[in-house]
Amino acid sequence: MIKKRELADCHKLYELMIDPAVFPFVRQKANSYDEFLFLTKQTIEAEERGELISRTILDEWGNPIGTINLFDINEQAGFLGTWLGKPYHGKGYNNLAKDAFFNELFYELSVEAVYMRIRTENIRSRKAAEKLQYVSIANETKKELFNEINKDAYIYDLFQIEKDQFTLYQYRQQLQTAFELKEA
């Protein structure tokens, strides 16, 4: 479902990223394939230095369909950035990728919190965030961070995922699955 970034995936990812339905919402924009290749190389190197964590999202056949990243890592927390190619919107890949990524972040890499800044006009991303049971809006609870990302104007809503929230969500999922198996 996710794997470490590789230069071999750049051609397919670049074609998906430049779609007008995707491009405006990508943090690391590239205006040419060569630029995308260069940015991916920089991303891989930045991960080696511990500055970010970046994964390629895969479909069930192992094809690259988007990326999921943790940027601006500071004090065991960072900002989530994710995008999927338009043909993969609304097919459940986003939730599967987030579950896999958060498992890695929280249980293998010692991250404690993940923040999402979502543009107020990005209805698709806001609805996707609100569907996740382990996400909470943090405009009030993380006021200092909210003000920092909106220093010039109110552009973003701030959401957060804490390790404890995600762990509780997973526990509930396991209980529900066990209950359903017991009834069957």
Protein backbone atom coordinates (compact mmCIF):
# COMPACT_ATOMS: atom_id res chain seq x y z
CA MET A 1 0.00 0.00 0.00
CA ILE A 2 2.92 2.41 0.71
CA LYS A 3 6.67 2.23 0.12
CA LYS A 4 9.72 4.46 0.38
CA ARG A 5 10.10 6.94 -2.46
CA GLU A 6 12.07 5.81 -5.50
CA LEU A 7 13.16 7.72 -8.58
CA ALA A 8 11.79 4.87 -10.74
CA ASP A 9 8.22 5.95 -9.82
CA CYS A 10 8.66 9.57 -10.90
CA HIS A 11 7.31 9.33 -14.44
CA LYS A 12 3.96 7.84 -13.39
CA LEU A 13 3.65 10.14 -10.34
CA TYR A 14 4.46 13.24 -12.39
CA GLU A 15 1.74 12.41 -14.93
CA LEU A 16 -0.79 12.03 -12.09
CA MET A 17 0.39 15.17 -10.25
CA ILE A 18 0.01 17.58 -13.18
CA ASP A 19 -3.73 16.91 -13.51
CA PRO A 20 -5.55 20.24 -12.85
CA ALA A 21 -7.74 18.48 -10.24
CA VAL A 22 -4.60 17.52 -8.27
CA PHE A 23 -1.84 20.07 -8.97
CA PRO A 24 -3.21 23.03 -6.96
CA PHE A 25 -3.26 20.93 -3.79
CA VAL A 26 0.26 19.44 -4.05
CA ARG A 27 2.81 20.96 -1.69
CA GLN A 28 5.92 20.08 -3.73
CA LYS A 29 4.89 21.34 -7.14
CA ALA A 30 7.01 20.71 -10.22
CA ASN A 31 6.44 22.33 -13.59
CA SER A 32 8.42 19.74 -15.55
CA TYR A 33 9.34 16.09 -15.27
CA ASP A 34 13.01 17.00 -14.68
CA GLU A 35 12.02 19.33 -11.86
CA PHE A 36 9.85 16.58 -10.31
CA LEU A 37 12.78 14.15 -10.54
CA PHE A 38 15.02 16.71 -8.83
CA LEU A 39 12.44 17.37 -6.06
CA THR A 40 12.03 13.64 -5.47
CA LYS A 41 15.81 13.23 -5.16
CA GLN A 42 15.86 16.12 -2.66
CA THR A 43 12.97 14.50 -0.75
CA ILE A 44 14.83 11.18 -0.49
CA GLU A 45 17.94 13.00 0.77
CA ALA A 46 15.91 15.07 3.27
CA GLU A 47 14.41 11.87 4.67
CA GLU A 48 17.90 10.44 5.11
CA ARG A 49 18.69 13.55 7.21
CA GLY A 50 15.50 13.08 9.29
CA GLU A 51 13.81 16.26 8.03
CA LEU A 52 10.72 14.57 6.60
CA ILE A 53 9.16 11.19 5.92
CA SER A 54 7.85 10.45 2.44
CA ARG A 55 6.14 7.40 0.95
CA THR A 56 4.68 6.48 -2.41
CA ILE A 57 1.06 5.29 -2.29
CA LEU A 58 0.46 2.13 -4.31
CA ASP A 59 -2.66 0.53 -5.72
CA GLU A 60 -3.37 -3.18 -5.22
CA TRP A 61 -1.09 -4.06 -8.17
CA GLY A 62 1.87 -2.07 -6.85
CA ASN A 63 1.47 0.89 -9.22
CA PRO A 64 2.36 4.34 -7.84
CA ILE A 65 -0.79 6.48 -7.48
CA GLY A 66 0.23 9.34 -5.16
CA THR A 67 2.39 10.34 -2.22
CA ILE A 68 1.98 10.74 1.52
CA ASN A 69 4.46 12.80 3.52
CA LEU A 70 5.23 14.18 6.95
CA PHE A 71 6.83 17.60 6.53
CA ASP A 72 8.32 20.11 8.98
CA ILE A 73 9.13 17.49 11.63
CA ASN A 74 9.73 19.13 15.00
CA GLU A 75 9.42 17.73 18.53
CA GLN A 76 7.99 14.37 17.34
CA ALA A 77 5.30 16.06 15.24
CA GLY A 78 4.90 17.23 11.68
CA PHE A 79 2.50 18.26 8.94
CA LEU A 80 0.82 15.72 6.69
CA GLY A 81 0.85 16.24 2.95
CA THR A 82 -0.87 13.75 0.71
CA TRP A 83 -2.19 13.58 -2.81
CA LEU A 84 -3.66 10.94 -5.10
CA GLY A 85 -3.99 10.93 -8.86
CA LYS A 86 -7.51 11.84 -10.02
CA PRO A 87 -8.38 8.32 -11.29
CA TYR A 88 -7.93 7.10 -7.70
CA HIS A 89 -10.12 9.67 -5.95
CA GLY A 90 -13.02 8.27 -3.96
CA LYS A 91 -11.87 4.64 -4.10
CA GLY A 92 -10.65 4.22 -0.52
CA TYR A 93 -6.92 4.52 -1.21
CA ASN A 94 -6.58 7.65 0.91
CA ASN A 95 -7.79 5.97 4.12
CA LEU A 96 -5.73 2.83 3.50
CA ALA A 97 -2.59 4.89 2.88
CA LYS A 98 -3.16 7.00 5.98
CA ASP A 99 -3.69 3.94 8.17
CA ALA A 100 -0.46 2.36 6.92
CA PHE A 101 1.48 5.64 7.19
CA PHE A 102 0.23 6.42 10.70
CA ASN A 103 1.09 2.89 11.85
CA GLU A 104 4.64 3.47 10.65
CA LEU A 105 4.88 6.98 12.10
CA PHE A 106 3.43 6.24 15.53
CA TYR A 107 4.73 2.73 16.20
CA GLU A 108 8.01 2.53 14.28
CA LEU A 109 9.28 6.12 14.05
CA SER A 110 8.16 7.54 17.43
CA VAL A 111 6.02 10.39 16.04
CA GLU A 112 3.47 11.61 18.62
CA ALA A 113 1.28 13.98 16.57
CA VAL A 114 0.43 14.69 12.95
CA TYR A 115 -1.10 18.00 11.87
CA MET A 116 -3.02 18.76 8.72
CA ARG A 117 -3.50 22.26 7.42
CA ILE A 118 -6.36 22.21 4.97
CA ARG A 119 -7.27 25.20 2.86
CA THR A 120 -10.73 26.43 3.75
CA GLU A 121 -11.79 26.17 0.08
CA ASN A 122 -10.48 22.58 -0.30
CA ILE A 123 -13.80 20.86 0.38
CA ARG A 124 -12.59 17.43 -0.83
CA SER A 125 -9.71 17.32 1.67
CA ARG A 126 -11.81 18.72 4.51
CA LYS A 127 -14.50 16.07 4.01
CA ALA A 128 -11.84 13.34 3.80
CA ALA A 129 -10.32 14.53 7.10
CA GLU A 130 -13.69 14.72 8.83
CA LYS A 131 -14.44 11.10 7.85
CA LEU A 132 -11.41 9.86 9.78
CA GLN A 133 -12.53 8.88 13.28
CA TYR A 134 -9.13 9.69 14.80
CA VAL A 135 -8.92 13.28 13.53
CA SER A 136 -9.92 16.33 15.54
CA ILE A 137 -10.09 19.99 14.56
CA ALA A 138 -7.39 21.93 16.40
CA ASN A 139 -8.11 25.58 15.52
CA GLU A 140 -8.81 26.30 19.21
CA THR A 141 -6.79 23.63 21.03
CA LYS A 142 -3.54 24.46 19.16
CA LYS A 143 -4.19 28.20 18.86
CA GLU A 144 -0.50 29.16 18.57
CA LEU A 145 0.07 26.75 15.68
CA PHE A 146 -3.24 27.78 14.06
CA ASN A 147 -2.17 31.45 14.21
CA GLU A 148 1.26 30.58 12.80
CA ILE A 149 -0.14 28.87 9.69
CA ASN A 150 -2.62 31.73 9.20
CA LYS A 151 -0.26 34.63 10.01
CA ASP A 152 -1.29 36.72 7.00
CA ALA A 153 -4.95 35.69 6.66
CA TYR A 154 -7.33 32.88 7.61
CA ILE A 155 -6.51 30.39 4.86
CA TYR A 156 -6.24 27.06 6.68
CA ASP A 157 -8.14 25.01 9.21
CA LEU A 158 -5.89 22.97 11.48
CA PHE A 159 -6.58 19.30 12.18
CA GLN A 160 -4.59 16.91 14.33
CA ILE A 161 -4.07 13.20 14.80
CA GLU A 162 -2.44 12.18 18.06
CA LYS A 163 -0.91 8.77 18.66
CA ASP A 164 -3.41 8.11 21.47
CA GLN A 165 -6.40 8.94 19.24
CA PHE A 166 -5.10 6.67 16.49
CA THR A 167 -4.39 3.83 18.95
CA LEU A 168 -7.93 4.07 20.36
CA TYR A 169 -9.35 4.02 16.83
CA GLN A 170 -7.36 0.87 16.01
CA TYR A 171 -8.47 -0.80 19.24
CA ARG A 172 -12.12 -0.08 18.39
CA GLN A 173 -11.62 -1.49 14.88
CA GLN A 174 -10.15 -4.69 16.33
CA LEU A 175 -13.04 -5.04 18.77
CA GLN A 176 -15.60 -4.52 16.01
CA THR A 177 -13.89 -7.10 13.80
CA ALA A 178 -13.76 -9.60 16.66
CA PHE A 179 -17.43 -9.00 17.42
CA GLU A 180 -18.42 -9.48 13.76
CA LEU A 181 -16.42 -12.72 13.55
CA LYS A 182 -18.02 -13.97 16.75
CA GLU A 183 -21.53 -13.32 15.35
CA ALA A 184 -20.74 -15.09 12.08
